[in-house]
């Protein structure tokens, strides 16, 4: 989606129209300077996931709101592939002039440096500048319709009774937070769980509903449709409080497991972006998230708005990086 600039957001519009009329006489080379000026006034937000994904929907909401605040054109560019890593590489190499931002979940910044150690082409701390923490989201533990359990305690007992048959859980991708949260749960519960990775959320959901796997570690919002259709049950959510979308589903902590995971989405800029530019973008992003109407839109998407500044985002990233490192190492995960 491209948000078209208003006349106020494009002060050179008349000049560009006059120059366009000269194009046939002067040729394209003569228009190089004004074209570059127009491009520089456009903010591009790169997201590493496809249209329809929660991250894409969030990015488009932010683009709309930030365009109004910044009074400039804001476009969304989907660079899909490698679990989001391609988008990170693109933004790392972008000019540090405030014209390009990265929308990403914690996974590409706090997880992948551990799970893809030695393979990443970017460093989350050296190659990017934090802009704003936008929102948290909930993880959940779902089971298929044939699983005869209603609580985590019942589920743990059921797995222990026949782990070879019952101890399989899936996630939407290997090396993801849902994958490693399952590792944490298995260790806390003392049960042998085997991870089954899928290529995307849709495939994982289909496998759960069809009985290929007995459980699924997933973003809670993603399983809502299956729960509403009675094709799955959500046994627990991993936040420090219940998910408003599932008020009757207790947290892991409420059920005796000291497990909390708070994945998030945030905006980053290329390293070297001037501090004044970062501050301007950060204020625009925080204003967007803190707008009541925008906050309601995010809540409807299963997101918990935060709107935290760059320094707090930096602290959250460092804490998550330190937290997930030992978990990933203990899992023995090796990327293909």
Protein backbone atom coordinates (compact mmCIF):
# COMPACT_ATOMS: atom_id res chain seq x y z
CA UNK A 1 0.00 0.00 0.00
CA UNK A 2 1.38 3.38 -0.98
CA UNK A 3 0.13 6.43 0.85
CA UNK A 4 -0.07 9.28 -1.62
CA UNK A 5 1.44 12.56 -0.48
CA UNK A 6 -0.83 15.50 0.18
CA UNK A 7 0.10 18.84 -1.40
CA UNK A 8 1.37 20.00 1.99
CA UNK A 9 3.59 16.93 2.21
CA UNK A 10 5.12 17.61 -1.20
CA UNK A 11 6.36 21.24 -1.27
CA UNK A 12 8.19 20.73 -4.58
CA UNK A 13 5.08 19.49 -6.40
CA UNK A 14 4.66 22.54 -8.66
CA UNK A 15 8.36 22.58 -9.48
CA UNK A 16 8.26 18.88 -10.36
CA UNK A 17 5.23 19.40 -12.61
CA UNK A 18 7.04 22.22 -14.45
CA UNK A 19 10.13 20.04 -14.82
CA UNK A 20 8.00 17.14 -16.09
CA UNK A 21 6.87 19.37 -18.91
CA UNK A 22 10.50 19.89 -19.92
CA UNK A 23 11.34 16.20 -19.90
CA UNK A 24 10.94 15.69 -23.62
CA UNK A 25 13.33 18.59 -24.30
CA UNK A 26 15.97 18.10 -21.64
CA UNK A 27 15.90 14.31 -21.28
CA UNK A 28 15.87 12.25 -18.08
CA UNK A 29 19.42 13.16 -17.01
CA UNK A 30 18.42 16.79 -16.47
CA UNK A 31 15.74 15.71 -13.98
CA UNK A 32 18.06 13.63 -11.78
CA UNK A 33 18.39 16.18 -8.96
CA UNK A 34 14.67 16.87 -8.33
CA UNK A 35 13.83 13.17 -8.60
CA UNK A 36 16.41 12.34 -5.91
CA UNK A 37 14.98 15.10 -3.71
CA UNK A 38 11.49 13.61 -4.02
CA UNK A 39 12.74 10.10 -3.23
CA UNK A 40 14.58 11.35 -0.14
CA UNK A 41 11.30 12.79 1.18
CA UNK A 42 9.71 9.33 1.16
CA UNK A 43 9.98 7.07 4.19
CA UNK A 44 10.11 3.35 3.41
CA UNK A 45 9.30 0.76 6.09
CA UNK A 46 10.65 -2.67 5.18
CA UNK A 47 8.99 -5.78 6.62
CA UNK A 48 10.31 -9.29 6.09
CA UNK A 49 6.96 -11.06 5.97
CA UNK A 50 4.18 -11.36 3.38
CA UNK A 51 0.99 -9.40 2.99
CA UNK A 52 -1.66 -10.71 5.36
CA UNK A 53 0.78 -11.54 8.15
CA UNK A 54 0.35 -9.75 11.48
CA UNK A 55 3.67 -7.97 11.00
CA UNK A 56 2.53 -6.69 7.60
CA UNK A 57 -0.80 -5.46 8.97
CA UNK A 58 0.98 -3.71 11.83
CA UNK A 59 3.43 -2.08 9.41
CA UNK A 60 0.61 -0.69 7.29
CA UNK A 61 -1.15 0.76 10.31
CA UNK A 62 2.10 2.43 11.38
CA UNK A 63 2.78 3.73 7.86
CA UNK A 64 -0.63 5.36 7.73
CA UNK A 65 -0.29 7.03 11.11
CA UNK A 66 3.35 8.09 10.73
CA UNK A 67 2.62 9.64 7.33
CA UNK A 68 0.09 11.95 8.97
CA UNK A 69 2.48 12.91 11.78
CA UNK A 70 5.59 13.34 9.64
CA UNK A 71 3.68 14.96 6.78
CA UNK A 72 5.51 12.87 4.22
CA UNK A 73 4.89 9.84 2.05
CA UNK A 74 5.37 6.52 3.84
CA UNK A 75 5.44 3.28 1.86
CA UNK A 76 5.61 -0.37 2.92
CA UNK A 77 7.98 -2.76 1.19
CA UNK A 78 7.68 -6.51 1.78
CA UNK A 79 11.03 -8.29 1.45
CA UNK A 80 10.07 -11.86 2.24
CA UNK A 81 12.51 -14.69 2.83
CA UNK A 82 14.84 -16.43 5.27
CA UNK A 83 12.50 -15.84 8.19
CA UNK A 84 12.91 -12.07 7.93
CA UNK A 85 16.68 -12.01 7.53
CA UNK A 86 16.57 -10.66 3.97
CA UNK A 87 14.71 -7.55 5.15
CA UNK A 88 17.30 -6.98 7.86
CA UNK A 89 20.14 -7.23 5.35
CA UNK A 90 18.42 -4.75 3.04
CA UNK A 91 17.93 -2.15 5.79
CA UNK A 92 21.45 -2.66 7.11
CA UNK A 93 22.76 -1.60 3.67
CA UNK A 94 20.34 1.33 3.25
CA UNK A 95 21.58 4.94 3.48
CA UNK A 96 21.50 6.10 7.12
CA UNK A 97 19.49 9.21 6.28
CA UNK A 98 16.12 8.42 7.83
CA UNK A 99 14.55 7.28 4.57
CA UNK A 100 14.41 3.55 5.49
CA UNK A 101 13.18 1.74 8.59
CA UNK A 102 12.89 -1.92 9.51
CA UNK A 103 9.79 -3.39 11.12
CA UNK A 104 10.75 -6.66 12.80
CA UNK A 105 9.82 -9.02 15.60
CA UNK A 106 12.28 -9.90 18.34
CA UNK A 107 13.20 -13.12 16.52
CA UNK A 108 15.46 -11.56 13.89
CA UNK A 109 17.29 -9.44 16.48
CA UNK A 110 17.33 -11.46 19.71
CA UNK A 111 16.97 -15.07 18.56
CA UNK A 112 18.68 -15.48 15.20
CA UNK A 113 22.10 -14.25 16.42
CA UNK A 114 22.11 -17.41 18.56
CA UNK A 115 20.27 -19.91 16.36
CA UNK A 116 22.10 -18.82 13.18
CA UNK A 117 25.41 -17.95 14.83
CA UNK A 118 28.14 -17.57 12.22
CA UNK A 119 25.63 -17.40 9.38
CA UNK A 120 24.01 -13.98 9.86
CA UNK A 121 25.06 -11.14 7.61
CA UNK A 122 24.14 -8.51 10.18
CA UNK A 123 24.77 -7.69 13.83
CA UNK A 124 21.66 -6.47 15.68
CA UNK A 125 23.70 -4.20 17.94
CA UNK A 126 26.25 -2.80 15.48
CA UNK A 127 24.26 -2.51 12.26
CA UNK A 128 21.00 -0.99 13.52
CA UNK A 129 19.82 1.94 15.62
CA UNK A 130 16.70 1.37 17.80
CA UNK A 131 13.79 3.67 16.95
CA UNK A 132 10.75 2.56 18.97
CA UNK A 133 9.24 -0.49 20.68
CA UNK A 134 5.71 -0.78 19.31
CA UNK A 135 3.92 -3.72 20.93
CA UNK A 136 4.10 -7.10 22.62
CA UNK A 137 2.17 -10.20 21.64
CA UNK A 138 1.21 -13.42 23.37
CA UNK A 139 2.38 -16.96 22.78
CA UNK A 140 0.01 -19.83 23.48
CA UNK A 141 0.01 -23.61 23.84
CA UNK A 142 -2.74 -25.20 21.77
CA UNK A 143 -3.86 -28.79 21.44
CA UNK A 144 -5.84 -30.57 18.75
CA UNK A 145 -9.48 -31.62 19.06
CA UNK A 146 -8.60 -35.26 19.78
CA UNK A 147 -6.39 -34.44 22.79
CA UNK A 148 -8.38 -35.22 25.98
CA UNK A 149 -6.90 -32.50 28.18
CA UNK A 150 -8.22 -29.17 29.44
CA UNK A 151 -5.31 -27.94 31.58
CA UNK A 152 -1.54 -27.99 31.42
CA UNK A 153 -1.39 -30.44 34.34
CA UNK A 154 -3.64 -32.86 32.46
CA UNK A 155 -1.60 -32.37 29.30
CA UNK A 156 1.69 -33.10 31.08
CA UNK A 157 0.26 -36.27 32.62
CA UNK A 158 -1.11 -37.34 29.24
CA UNK A 159 2.29 -36.86 27.54
CA UNK A 160 4.07 -38.77 30.32
CA UNK A 161 1.68 -41.69 29.90
CA UNK A 162 2.79 -42.27 26.30
CA UNK A 163 5.51 -39.83 25.15
CA UNK A 164 6.25 -41.80 21.98
CA UNK A 165 2.71 -41.17 20.81
CA UNK A 166 1.72 -37.93 22.54
CA UNK A 167 4.95 -35.94 22.92
CA UNK A 168 5.02 -34.04 19.64
CA UNK A 169 4.48 -30.31 19.25
CA UNK A 170 4.75 -28.12 16.20
CA UNK A 171 5.64 -24.53 15.38
CA UNK A 172 5.45 -22.38 12.28
CA UNK A 173 9.22 -22.42 11.75
CA UNK A 174 12.39 -24.01 13.08
CA UNK A 175 14.53 -21.67 15.14
CA UNK A 176 11.55 -19.47 16.04
CA UNK A 177 10.45 -18.23 19.45
CA UNK A 178 7.49 -20.69 19.54
CA UNK A 179 9.99 -23.48 18.83
CA UNK A 180 12.27 -22.49 21.69
CA UNK A 181 9.40 -21.72 24.04
CA UNK A 182 8.41 -25.37 23.60
CA UNK A 183 11.94 -26.31 24.68
CA UNK A 184 11.49 -24.20 27.80
CA UNK A 185 8.11 -25.76 28.58
CA UNK A 186 9.39 -29.33 28.13
CA UNK A 187 12.26 -28.63 30.51
CA UNK A 188 10.01 -26.95 33.11
CA UNK A 189 7.42 -29.74 32.94
CA UNK A 190 9.94 -32.58 32.85
CA UNK A 191 8.42 -34.14 29.77
CA UNK A 192 10.07 -35.35 26.54
CA UNK A 193 8.66 -33.19 23.76
CA UNK A 194 9.77 -33.53 20.14
CA UNK A 195 9.60 -30.46 17.94
CA UNK A 196 8.02 -30.72 14.47
CA UNK A 197 8.71 -27.61 12.34
CA UNK A 198 6.41 -26.44 9.57
CA UNK A 199 6.79 -23.95 6.77
CA UNK A 200 4.52 -21.20 8.00
CA UNK A 201 1.58 -20.67 10.30
CA UNK A 202 -1.07 -21.99 7.91
CA UNK A 203 0.66 -25.37 7.53
CA UNK A 204 1.17 -25.70 11.29
CA UNK A 205 -2.48 -24.89 12.01
CA UNK A 206 -3.65 -27.42 9.45
CA UNK A 207 -1.42 -30.06 11.00
CA UNK A 208 -2.85 -29.40 14.46
CA UNK A 209 -6.47 -29.47 13.34
CA UNK A 210 -5.85 -32.60 11.28
CA UNK A 211 -4.16 -34.53 14.08
CA UNK A 212 -0.64 -34.67 12.56
CA UNK A 213 0.63 -33.17 15.82
CA UNK A 214 -1.00 -33.15 19.23
CA UNK A 215 0.13 -29.67 20.31
CA UNK A 216 1.27 -26.40 18.84
CA UNK A 217 3.41 -23.61 20.26
CA UNK A 218 2.15 -20.53 18.49
CA UNK A 219 1.24 -16.86 18.54
CA UNK A 220 -2.03 -16.88 20.47
CA UNK A 221 -3.82 -14.59 18.02
CA UNK A 222 -3.02 -16.97 15.15
CA UNK A 223 -4.94 -19.86 16.68
CA UNK A 224 -8.09 -17.84 17.39
CA UNK A 225 -9.99 -19.02 14.30
CA UNK A 226 -9.32 -22.71 15.09
CA UNK A 227 -10.43 -22.24 18.70
CA UNK A 228 -13.62 -20.48 17.64
CA UNK A 229 -14.36 -23.34 15.21
CA UNK A 230 -13.78 -25.96 17.95
CA UNK A 231 -10.88 -27.41 15.96
CA UNK A 232 -8.34 -26.65 18.69
CA UNK A 233 -8.15 -25.62 22.35
CA UNK A 234 -5.79 -23.14 23.94
CA UNK A 235 -4.49 -24.48 27.25
CA UNK A 236 -2.31 -21.53 28.31
CA UNK A 237 -0.83 -18.21 27.27
CA UNK A 238 2.73 -17.17 28.06
CA UNK A 239 2.29 -13.55 29.12
CA UNK A 240 2.49 -12.21 32.63
CA UNK A 241 -1.27 -11.63 32.43
CA UNK A 242 -4.13 -13.21 30.51
CA UNK A 243 -4.71 -12.32 26.89
CA UNK A 244 -7.83 -10.09 26.57
CA UNK A 245 -8.73 -12.09 23.45
CA UNK A 246 -8.82 -15.28 25.58
CA UNK A 247 -9.97 -14.13 29.03
CA UNK A 248 -10.82 -17.68 30.15
CA UNK A 249 -7.40 -19.10 29.27
CA UNK A 250 -4.96 -19.00 32.24
CA UNK A 251 -1.30 -18.16 31.94
CA UNK A 252 1.49 -20.70 32.40
CA UNK A 253 2.30 -19.05 35.74
CA UNK A 254 -1.27 -19.43 36.95
CA UNK A 255 -0.95 -23.16 36.26
CA UNK A 256 2.26 -23.59 38.22
CA UNK A 257 4.90 -23.11 35.50
CA UNK A 258 7.24 -20.17 35.95
CA UNK A 259 7.33 -19.35 32.25
CA UNK A 260 6.82 -15.93 30.73
CA UNK A 261 7.62 -14.90 27.15
CA UNK A 262 6.85 -11.48 25.74
CA UNK A 263 7.71 -11.35 22.04
CA UNK A 264 7.50 -7.93 20.42
CA UNK A 265 7.58 -5.82 17.27
CA UNK A 266 9.78 -2.75 16.90
CA UNK A 267 11.24 -0.28 14.43
CA UNK A 268 14.96 0.03 13.70
CA UNK A 269 17.01 2.27 11.41
CA UNK A 270 20.40 1.67 9.80
CA UNK A 271 23.33 2.34 12.12
CA UNK A 272 24.75 5.82 11.64
CA UNK A 273 21.38 7.55 11.24
CA UNK A 274 21.75 11.02 12.80
CA UNK A 275 20.40 11.33 16.38
CA UNK A 276 18.03 14.17 15.46
CA UNK A 277 16.54 12.07 12.68
CA UNK A 278 16.16 9.07 14.98
CA UNK A 279 14.40 11.24 17.56
CA UNK A 280 11.98 12.60 14.97
CA UNK A 281 11.10 9.09 13.75
CA UNK A 282 10.84 7.74 17.28
CA UNK A 283 8.43 10.47 18.33
CA UNK A 284 6.27 9.84 15.27
CA UNK A 285 6.15 6.10 15.95
CA UNK A 286 5.33 6.56 19.63
CA UNK A 287 2.62 9.09 18.80
CA UNK A 288 1.06 6.60 16.41
CA UNK A 289 0.99 3.74 18.93
CA UNK A 290 -0.25 5.96 21.75
CA UNK A 291 -3.15 7.26 19.67
CA UNK A 292 -6.28 5.63 21.19
CA UNK A 293 -7.75 4.68 17.81
CA UNK A 294 -4.49 3.06 16.70
CA UNK A 295 -4.13 1.27 20.03
CA UNK A 296 -7.60 -0.24 19.53
CA UNK A 297 -6.66 -1.41 16.03
CA UNK A 298 -3.57 -3.10 17.41
CA UNK A 299 -5.54 -4.72 20.23
CA UNK A 300 -8.00 -6.12 17.66
CA UNK A 301 -4.98 -7.76 15.97
CA UNK A 302 -3.99 -9.46 19.23
CA UNK A 303 -1.20 -6.97 19.96
CA UNK A 304 -0.47 -5.13 23.21
CA UNK A 305 0.54 -1.54 22.37
CA UNK A 306 3.63 -0.22 24.18
CA UNK A 307 5.03 2.84 22.40
CA UNK A 308 8.39 2.83 24.19
CA UNK A 309 11.34 5.04 23.18
CA UNK A 310 14.61 3.94 21.63
CA UNK A 311 16.57 3.57 24.86
CA UNK A 312 13.97 1.25 26.36
CA UNK A 313 13.86 -0.79 23.15
CA UNK A 314 17.65 -1.17 23.34
CA UNK A 315 17.37 -2.45 26.93
CA UNK A 316 14.58 -4.91 26.03
CA UNK A 317 16.57 -6.25 23.08
CA UNK A 318 19.65 -6.82 25.23
CA UNK A 319 17.60 -8.58 27.92
CA UNK A 320 15.94 -10.88 25.38
CA UNK A 321 19.25 -11.60 23.66
CA UNK A 322 20.73 -12.65 27.00
CA UNK A 323 17.64 -14.65 27.99
CA UNK A 324 17.23 -16.74 24.84
CA UNK A 325 20.92 -17.54 24.31
CA UNK A 326 21.13 -20.31 26.95
CA UNK A 327 17.72 -21.71 25.92
CA UNK A 328 18.82 -22.06 22.29
CA UNK A 329 22.16 -23.55 23.27
CA UNK A 330 20.44 -26.13 25.50
CA UNK A 331 18.08 -27.09 22.65
CA UNK A 332 20.96 -28.24 20.44
CA UNK A 333 19.34 -26.54 17.47
CA UNK A 334 21.36 -26.59 14.26
CA UNK A 335 20.05 -24.68 11.21
CA UNK A 336 19.84 -26.48 7.92
